[in-house]
Amino acid sequence: MFEYENERHEDISEFSSALIIEKEWNKWVGTANLYLIYEWGSDIDNDFETAMSLQTRYRYSRNLEPAIEYYSSEDSDGIGPILMGNVKLDGRKKIYWETGVILGLDNETPDQTFKFSFEFKLFYCFNNSTA
Protein backbone atom coordinates (compact mmCIF):
# COMPACT_ATOMS: atom_id res chain seq x y z
CA MET A 1 0.00 0.00 0.00
CA PHE A 2 1.22 3.50 -0.82
CA GLU A 3 -0.14 6.82 0.43
CA TYR A 4 0.70 10.50 -0.17
CA GLU A 5 -0.53 13.34 2.06
CA ASN A 6 -0.14 17.10 1.63
CA GLU A 7 -1.30 19.69 4.19
CA ARG A 8 -3.39 22.51 2.70
CA HIS A 9 -2.31 25.39 4.93
CA GLU A 10 1.22 24.29 5.83
CA ASP A 11 4.26 23.17 3.86
CA ILE A 12 4.13 19.58 5.08
CA SER A 13 4.07 16.48 2.90
CA GLU A 14 4.16 12.81 3.78
CA PHE A 15 4.72 9.65 1.77
CA SER A 16 4.16 6.26 3.35
CA SER A 17 4.45 2.68 2.24
CA ALA A 18 3.04 -0.32 4.08
CA LEU A 19 3.77 -4.00 3.82
CA ILE A 20 0.63 -6.01 4.68
CA ILE A 21 1.17 -9.60 5.84
CA GLU A 22 -1.57 -12.11 6.68
CA LYS A 23 -1.31 -15.69 7.94
CA GLU A 24 -4.14 -18.14 8.64
CA TRP A 25 -4.11 -21.03 11.15
CA ASN A 26 -7.42 -22.89 10.91
CA LYS A 27 -9.94 -20.44 12.46
CA TRP A 28 -7.25 -17.93 13.53
CA VAL A 29 -6.00 -15.09 11.31
CA GLY A 30 -3.01 -12.88 12.06
CA THR A 31 -2.39 -9.64 10.18
CA ALA A 32 0.56 -7.24 10.37
CA ASN A 33 0.77 -3.82 8.71
CA LEU A 34 4.34 -2.46 8.73
CA TYR A 35 4.76 1.19 7.69
CA LEU A 36 7.72 3.28 6.57
CA ILE A 37 6.87 7.00 6.53
CA TYR A 38 8.83 10.01 5.26
CA GLU A 39 7.78 13.58 6.15
CA TRP A 40 9.20 16.74 4.59
CA GLY A 41 8.54 20.46 4.14
CA SER A 42 9.57 23.84 5.52
CA ASP A 43 7.06 23.57 8.41
CA ILE A 44 8.36 20.21 9.70
CA ASP A 45 11.64 18.43 10.27
CA ASN A 46 12.40 16.09 7.39
CA ASP A 47 12.54 12.60 8.86
CA PHE A 48 11.66 8.95 8.56
CA GLU A 49 9.18 7.27 10.90
CA THR A 50 7.93 3.73 11.35
CA ALA A 51 4.58 2.42 12.51
CA MET A 52 3.04 -0.99 13.02
CA SER A 53 -0.42 -2.44 13.56
CA LEU A 54 -1.14 -6.05 14.46
CA GLN A 55 -4.40 -7.96 14.61
CA THR A 56 -5.25 -11.48 15.71
CA ARG A 57 -8.82 -12.59 15.12
CA TYR A 58 -10.81 -15.75 15.62
CA ARG A 59 -13.34 -16.70 12.93
CA TYR A 60 -16.09 -17.80 15.30
CA SER A 61 -18.71 -17.39 12.58
CA ARG A 62 -19.33 -15.25 9.50
CA ASN A 63 -21.33 -12.82 11.62
CA LEU A 64 -18.94 -12.59 14.57
CA GLU A 65 -15.13 -12.51 14.72
CA PRO A 66 -13.57 -11.37 18.01
CA ALA A 67 -10.09 -9.87 17.68
CA ILE A 68 -7.38 -7.99 19.50
CA GLU A 69 -5.47 -5.14 17.84
CA TYR A 70 -2.19 -3.46 18.73
CA TYR A 71 -0.94 -0.14 17.30
CA SER A 72 2.52 1.35 17.70
CA SER A 73 4.01 4.50 16.16
CA GLU A 74 6.25 7.40 17.08
CA ASP A 75 3.41 9.15 18.94
CA SER A 76 1.22 6.33 20.27
CA ASP A 77 0.95 2.81 21.63
CA GLY A 78 -2.41 1.13 22.12
CA ILE A 79 -4.09 -2.24 22.38
CA GLY A 80 -7.69 -3.36 22.62
CA PRO A 81 -10.53 -5.77 21.85
CA ILE A 82 -12.44 -5.58 18.56
CA LEU A 83 -15.58 -7.33 17.33
CA MET A 84 -16.25 -7.64 13.59
CA GLY A 85 -18.30 -9.60 11.12
CA ASN A 86 -20.58 -9.39 8.14
CA VAL A 87 -24.27 -9.83 7.55
CA LYS A 88 -25.56 -11.18 4.25
CA LEU A 89 -28.68 -9.42 3.03
CA ASP A 90 -31.03 -10.22 0.13
CA GLY A 91 -29.34 -11.08 -3.14
CA ARG A 92 -25.75 -9.94 -3.41
CA LYS A 93 -25.77 -7.36 -0.61
CA LYS A 94 -23.62 -7.46 2.53
CA ILE A 95 -22.89 -5.27 5.52
CA TYR A 96 -19.40 -5.45 7.01
CA TRP A 97 -19.13 -4.07 10.55
CA GLU A 98 -16.39 -3.53 13.09
CA THR A 99 -16.38 -1.97 16.57
CA GLY A 100 -14.03 -1.85 19.51
CA VAL A 101 -11.88 0.22 21.81
CA ILE A 102 -8.13 0.82 21.78
CA LEU A 103 -6.62 1.55 25.20
CA GLY A 104 -3.57 3.79 25.44
CA LEU A 105 -0.40 2.18 26.79
CA ASP A 106 1.61 5.36 27.42
CA ASN A 107 1.07 8.97 28.47
CA GLU A 108 1.08 10.31 24.88
CA THR A 109 -1.74 8.05 23.65
CA PRO A 110 -5.40 8.86 24.48
CA ASP A 111 -6.78 6.68 27.28
CA GLN A 112 -9.47 5.23 24.95
CA THR A 113 -10.03 5.43 21.21
CA PHE A 114 -13.37 4.06 20.04
CA LYS A 115 -13.44 2.37 16.64
CA PHE A 116 -16.60 1.99 14.51
CA SER A 117 -16.82 0.94 10.89
CA PHE A 118 -19.85 -0.03 8.81
CA GLU A 119 -19.61 -0.82 5.11
CA PHE A 120 -22.45 -1.67 2.75
CA LYS A 121 -21.50 -3.67 -0.35
CA LEU A 122 -23.66 -4.33 -3.36
CA PHE A 123 -22.23 -6.74 -5.93
CA TYR A 124 -23.28 -6.62 -9.57
CA CYS A 125 -22.66 -9.26 -12.18
CA PHE A 126 -22.56 -8.12 -15.80
CA ASN A 127 -23.18 -10.52 -18.64
CA ASN A 128 -21.85 -9.41 -22.03
CA SER A 129 -23.00 -12.42 -23.99
CA THR A 130 -24.80 -11.93 -27.30
CA ALA A 131 -27.49 -14.46 -28.08
C-alpha atoms as a PDB file:
ATOM      1  CA  MET A   1       0.000   0.000   0.000  1.00  0.00           C
ATOM      2  CA  PHE A   2       1.222   3.499  -0.820  1.00  0.00           C
ATOM      3  CA  GLU A   3      -0.136   6.816   0.428  1.00  0.00           C
ATOM      4  CA  TYR A   4       0.695  10.499  -0.173  1.00  0.00           C
ATOM      5  CA  GLU A   5      -0.529  13.341   2.060  1.00  0.00           C
ATOM      6  CA  ASN A   6      -0.140  17.104   1.634  1.00  0.00           C
ATOM      7  CA  GLU A   7      -1.300  19.686   4.186  1.00  0.00           C
ATOM      8  CA  ARG A   8      -3.388  22.514   2.698  1.00  0.00           C
ATOM      9  CA  HIS A   9      -2.308  25.391   4.927  1.00  0.00           C
ATOM     10  CA  GLU A  10       1.225  24.294   5.828  1.00  0.00           C
ATOM     11  CA  ASP A  11       4.263  23.172   3.863  1.00  0.00           C
ATOM     12  CA  ILE A  12       4.126  19.576   5.084  1.00  0.00           C
ATOM     13  CA  SER A  13       4.072  16.477   2.897  1.00  0.00           C
ATOM     14  CA  GLU A  14       4.161  12.812   3.779  1.00  0.00           C
ATOM     15  CA  PHE A  15       4.715   9.651   1.773  1.00  0.00           C
ATOM     16  CA  SER A  16       4.160   6.256   3.350  1.00  0.00           C
ATOM     17  CA  SER A  17       4.454   2.683   2.236  1.00  0.00           C
ATOM     18  CA  ALA A  18       3.036  -0.321   4.078  1.00  0.00           C
ATOM     19  CA  LEU A  19       3.769  -3.996   3.825  1.00  0.00           C
ATOM     20  CA  ILE A  20       0.631  -6.010   4.680  1.00  0.00           C
ATOM     21  CA  ILE A  21       1.172  -9.598   5.844  1.00  0.00           C
ATOM     22  CA  GLU A  22      -1.565 -12.115   6.676  1.00  0.00           C
ATOM     23  CA  LYS A  23      -1.310 -15.689   7.942  1.00  0.00           C
ATOM     24  CA  GLU A  24      -4.136 -18.140   8.645  1.00  0.00           C
ATOM     25  CA  TRP A  25      -4.108 -21.027  11.146  1.00  0.00           C
ATOM     26  CA  ASN A  26      -7.424 -22.888  10.913  1.00  0.00           C
ATOM     27  CA  LYS A  27      -9.940 -20.443  12.464  1.00  0.00           C
ATOM     28  CA  TRP A  28      -7.247 -17.933  13.530  1.00  0.00           C
ATOM     29  CA  VAL A  29      -6.001 -15.090  11.306  1.00  0.00           C
ATOM     30  CA  GLY A  30      -3.014 -12.882  12.059  1.00  0.00           C
ATOM     31  CA  THR A  31      -2.394  -9.636  10.175  1.00  0.00           C
ATOM     32  CA  ALA A  32       0.555  -7.241  10.369  1.00  0.00           C
ATOM     33  CA  ASN A  33       0.765  -3.817   8.711  1.00  0.00           C
ATOM     34  CA  LEU A  34       4.344  -2.463   8.731  1.00  0.00           C
ATOM     35  CA  TYR A  35       4.756   1.195   7.693  1.00  0.00           C
ATOM     36  CA  LEU A  36       7.722   3.279   6.574  1.00  0.00           C
ATOM     37  CA  ILE A  37       6.866   7.004   6.526  1.00  0.00           C
ATOM     38  CA  TYR A  38       8.833  10.009   5.263  1.00  0.00           C
ATOM     39  CA  GLU A  39       7.779  13.584   6.155  1.00  0.00           C
ATOM     40  CA  TRP A  40       9.203  16.743   4.594  1.00  0.00           C
ATOM     41  CA  GLY A  41       8.542  20.459   4.141  1.00  0.00           C
ATOM     42  CA  SER A  42       9.566  23.839   5.516  1.00  0.00           C
ATOM     43  CA  ASP A  43       7.061  23.570   8.411  1.00  0.00           C
ATOM     44  CA  ILE A  44       8.358  20.214   9.695  1.00  0.00           C
ATOM     45  CA  ASP A  45      11.643  18.430  10.275  1.00  0.00           C
ATOM     46  CA  ASN A  46      12.402  16.088   7.388  1.00  0.00           C
ATOM     47  CA  ASP A  47      12.538  12.599   8.860  1.00  0.00           C
ATOM     48  CA  PHE A  48      11.663   8.946   8.565  1.00  0.00           C
ATOM     49  CA  GLU A  49       9.181   7.267  10.900  1.00  0.00           C
ATOM     50  CA  THR A  50       7.934   3.733  11.348  1.00  0.00           C
ATOM     51  CA  ALA A  51       4.581   2.415  12.510  1.00  0.00           C
ATOM     52  CA  MET A  52       3.036  -0.991  13.022  1.00  0.00           C
ATOM     53  CA  SER A  53      -0.417  -2.436  13.556  1.00  0.00           C
ATOM     54  CA  LEU A  54      -1.136  -6.054  14.456  1.00  0.00           C
ATOM     55  CA  GLN A  55      -4.401  -7.956  14.608  1.00  0.00           C
ATOM     56  CA  THR A  56      -5.249 -11.481  15.710  1.00  0.00           C
ATOM     57  CA  ARG A  57      -8.820 -12.588  15.124  1.00  0.00           C
ATOM     58  CA  TYR A  58     -10.812 -15.749  15.616  1.00  0.00           C
ATOM     59  CA  ARG A  59     -13.342 -16.703  12.935  1.00  0.00           C
ATOM     60  CA  TYR A  60     -16.086 -17.804  15.303  1.00  0.00           C
ATOM     61  CA  SER A  61     -18.714 -17.392  12.584  1.00  0.00           C
ATOM     62  CA  ARG A  62     -19.330 -15.254   9.498  1.00  0.00           C
ATOM     63  CA  ASN A  63     -21.329 -12.820  11.620  1.00  0.00           C
ATOM     64  CA  LEU A  64     -18.937 -12.589  14.568  1.00  0.00           C
ATOM     65  CA  GLU A  65     -15.135 -12.505  14.716  1.00  0.00           C
ATOM     66  CA  PRO A  66     -13.565 -11.371  18.008  1.00  0.00           C
ATOM     67  CA  ALA A  67     -10.092  -9.866  17.680  1.00  0.00           C
ATOM     68  CA  ILE A  68      -7.378  -7.988  19.496  1.00  0.00           C
ATOM     69  CA  GLU A  69      -5.469  -5.140  17.837  1.00  0.00           C
ATOM     70  CA  TYR A  70      -2.189  -3.455  18.726  1.00  0.00           C
ATOM     71  CA  TYR A  71      -0.943  -0.136  17.304  1.00  0.00           C
ATOM     72  CA  SER A  72       2.522   1.350  17.702  1.00  0.00           C
ATOM     73  CA  SER A  73       4.010   4.498  16.157  1.00  0.00           C
ATOM     74  CA  GLU A  74       6.251   7.398  17.077  1.00  0.00           C
ATOM     75  CA  ASP A  75       3.408   9.151  18.937  1.00  0.00           C
ATOM     76  CA  SER A  76       1.224   6.331  20.266  1.00  0.00           C
ATOM     77  CA  ASP A  77       0.953   2.809  21.629  1.00  0.00           C
ATOM     78  CA  GLY A  78      -2.406   1.126  22.124  1.00  0.00           C
ATOM     79  CA  ILE A  79      -4.091  -2.240  22.377  1.00  0.00           C
ATOM     80  CA  GLY A  80      -7.687  -3.364  22.616  1.00  0.00           C
ATOM     81  CA  PRO A  81     -10.529  -5.771  21.850  1.00  0.00           C
ATOM     82  CA  ILE A  82     -12.445  -5.577  18.565  1.00  0.00           C
ATOM     83  CA  LEU A  83     -15.584  -7.334  17.327  1.00  0.00           C
ATOM     84  CA  MET A  84     -16.250  -7.636  13.591  1.00  0.00           C
ATOM     85  CA  GLY A  85     -18.303  -9.597  11.116  1.00  0.00           C
ATOM     86  CA  ASN A  86     -20.581  -9.387   8.142  1.00  0.00           C
ATOM     87  CA  VAL A  87     -24.271  -9.827   7.547  1.00  0.00           C
ATOM     88  CA  LYS A  88     -25.556 -11.175   4.253  1.00  0.00           C
ATOM     89  CA  LEU A  89     -28.683  -9.424   3.029  1.00  0.00           C
ATOM     90  CA  ASP A  90     -31.028 -10.220   0.132  1.00  0.00           C
ATOM     91  CA  GLY A  91     -29.344 -11.080  -3.136  1.00  0.00           C
ATOM     92  CA  ARG A  92     -25.746  -9.936  -3.411  1.00  0.00           C
ATOM     93  CA  LYS A  93     -25.772  -7.361  -0.615  1.00  0.00           C
ATOM     94  CA  LYS A  94     -23.625  -7.456   2.526  1.00  0.00           C
ATOM     95  CA  ILE A  95     -22.894  -5.272   5.520  1.00  0.00           C
ATOM     96  CA  TYR A  96     -19.401  -5.454   7.009  1.00  0.00           C
ATOM     97  CA  TRP A  97     -19.129  -4.069  10.545  1.00  0.00           C
ATOM     98  CA  GLU A  98     -16.393  -3.526  13.094  1.00  0.00           C
ATOM     99  CA  THR A  99     -16.376  -1.965  16.566  1.00  0.00           C
ATOM    100  CA  GLY A 100     -14.028  -1.853  19.514  1.00  0.00           C
ATOM    101  CA  VAL A 101     -11.882   0.223  21.810  1.00  0.00           C
ATOM    102  CA  ILE A 102      -8.132   0.822  21.782  1.00  0.00           C
ATOM    103  CA  LEU A 103      -6.624   1.555  25.198  1.00  0.00           C
ATOM    104  CA  GLY A 104      -3.566   3.792  25.444  1.00  0.00           C
ATOM    105  CA  LEU A 105      -0.400   2.181  26.787  1.00  0.00           C
ATOM    106  CA  ASP A 106       1.611   5.357  27.419  1.00  0.00           C
ATOM    107  CA  ASN A 107       1.068   8.972  28.473  1.00  0.00           C
ATOM    108  CA  GLU A 108       1.083  10.310  24.876  1.00  0.00           C
ATOM    109  CA  THR A 109      -1.742   8.053  23.648  1.00  0.00           C
ATOM    110  CA  PRO A 110      -5.399   8.856  24.476  1.00  0.00           C
ATOM    111  CA  ASP A 111      -6.784   6.675  27.276  1.00  0.00           C
ATOM    112  CA  GLN A 112      -9.467   5.228  24.947  1.00  0.00           C
ATOM    113  CA  THR A 113     -10.026   5.433  21.209  1.00  0.00           C
ATOM    114  CA  PHE A 114     -13.366   4.055  20.040  1.00  0.00           C
ATOM    115  CA  LYS A 115     -13.443   2.370  16.639  1.00  0.00           C
ATOM    116  CA  PHE A 116     -16.598   1.988  14.514  1.00  0.00           C
ATOM    117  CA  SER A 117     -16.822   0.937  10.887  1.00  0.00           C
ATOM    118  CA  PHE A 118     -19.851  -0.028   8.808  1.00  0.00           C
ATOM    119  CA  GLU A 119     -19.607  -0.819   5.110  1.00  0.00           C
ATOM    120  CA  PHE A 120     -22.454  -1.669   2.748  1.00  0.00           C
ATOM    121  CA  LYS A 121     -21.496  -3.670  -0.349  1.00  0.00           C
ATOM    122  CA  LEU A 122     -23.656  -4.330  -3.358  1.00  0.00           C
ATOM    123  CA  PHE A 123     -22.234  -6.742  -5.926  1.00  0.00           C
ATOM    124  CA  TYR A 124     -23.281  -6.624  -9.566  1.00  0.00           C
ATOM    125  CA  CYS A 125     -22.664  -9.256 -12.177  1.00  0.00           C
ATOM    126  CA  PHE A 126     -22.562  -8.116 -15.801  1.00  0.00           C
ATOM    127  CA  ASN A 127     -23.182 -10.521 -18.640  1.00  0.00           C
ATOM    128  CA  ASN A 128     -21.846  -9.409 -22.032  1.00  0.00           C
ATOM    129  CA  SER A 129     -23.002 -12.422 -23.991  1.00  0.00           C
ATOM    130  CA  THR A 130     -24.804 -11.926 -27.302  1.00  0.00           C
ATOM    131  CA  ALA A 131     -27.489 -14.463 -28.076  1.00  0.00           C
END
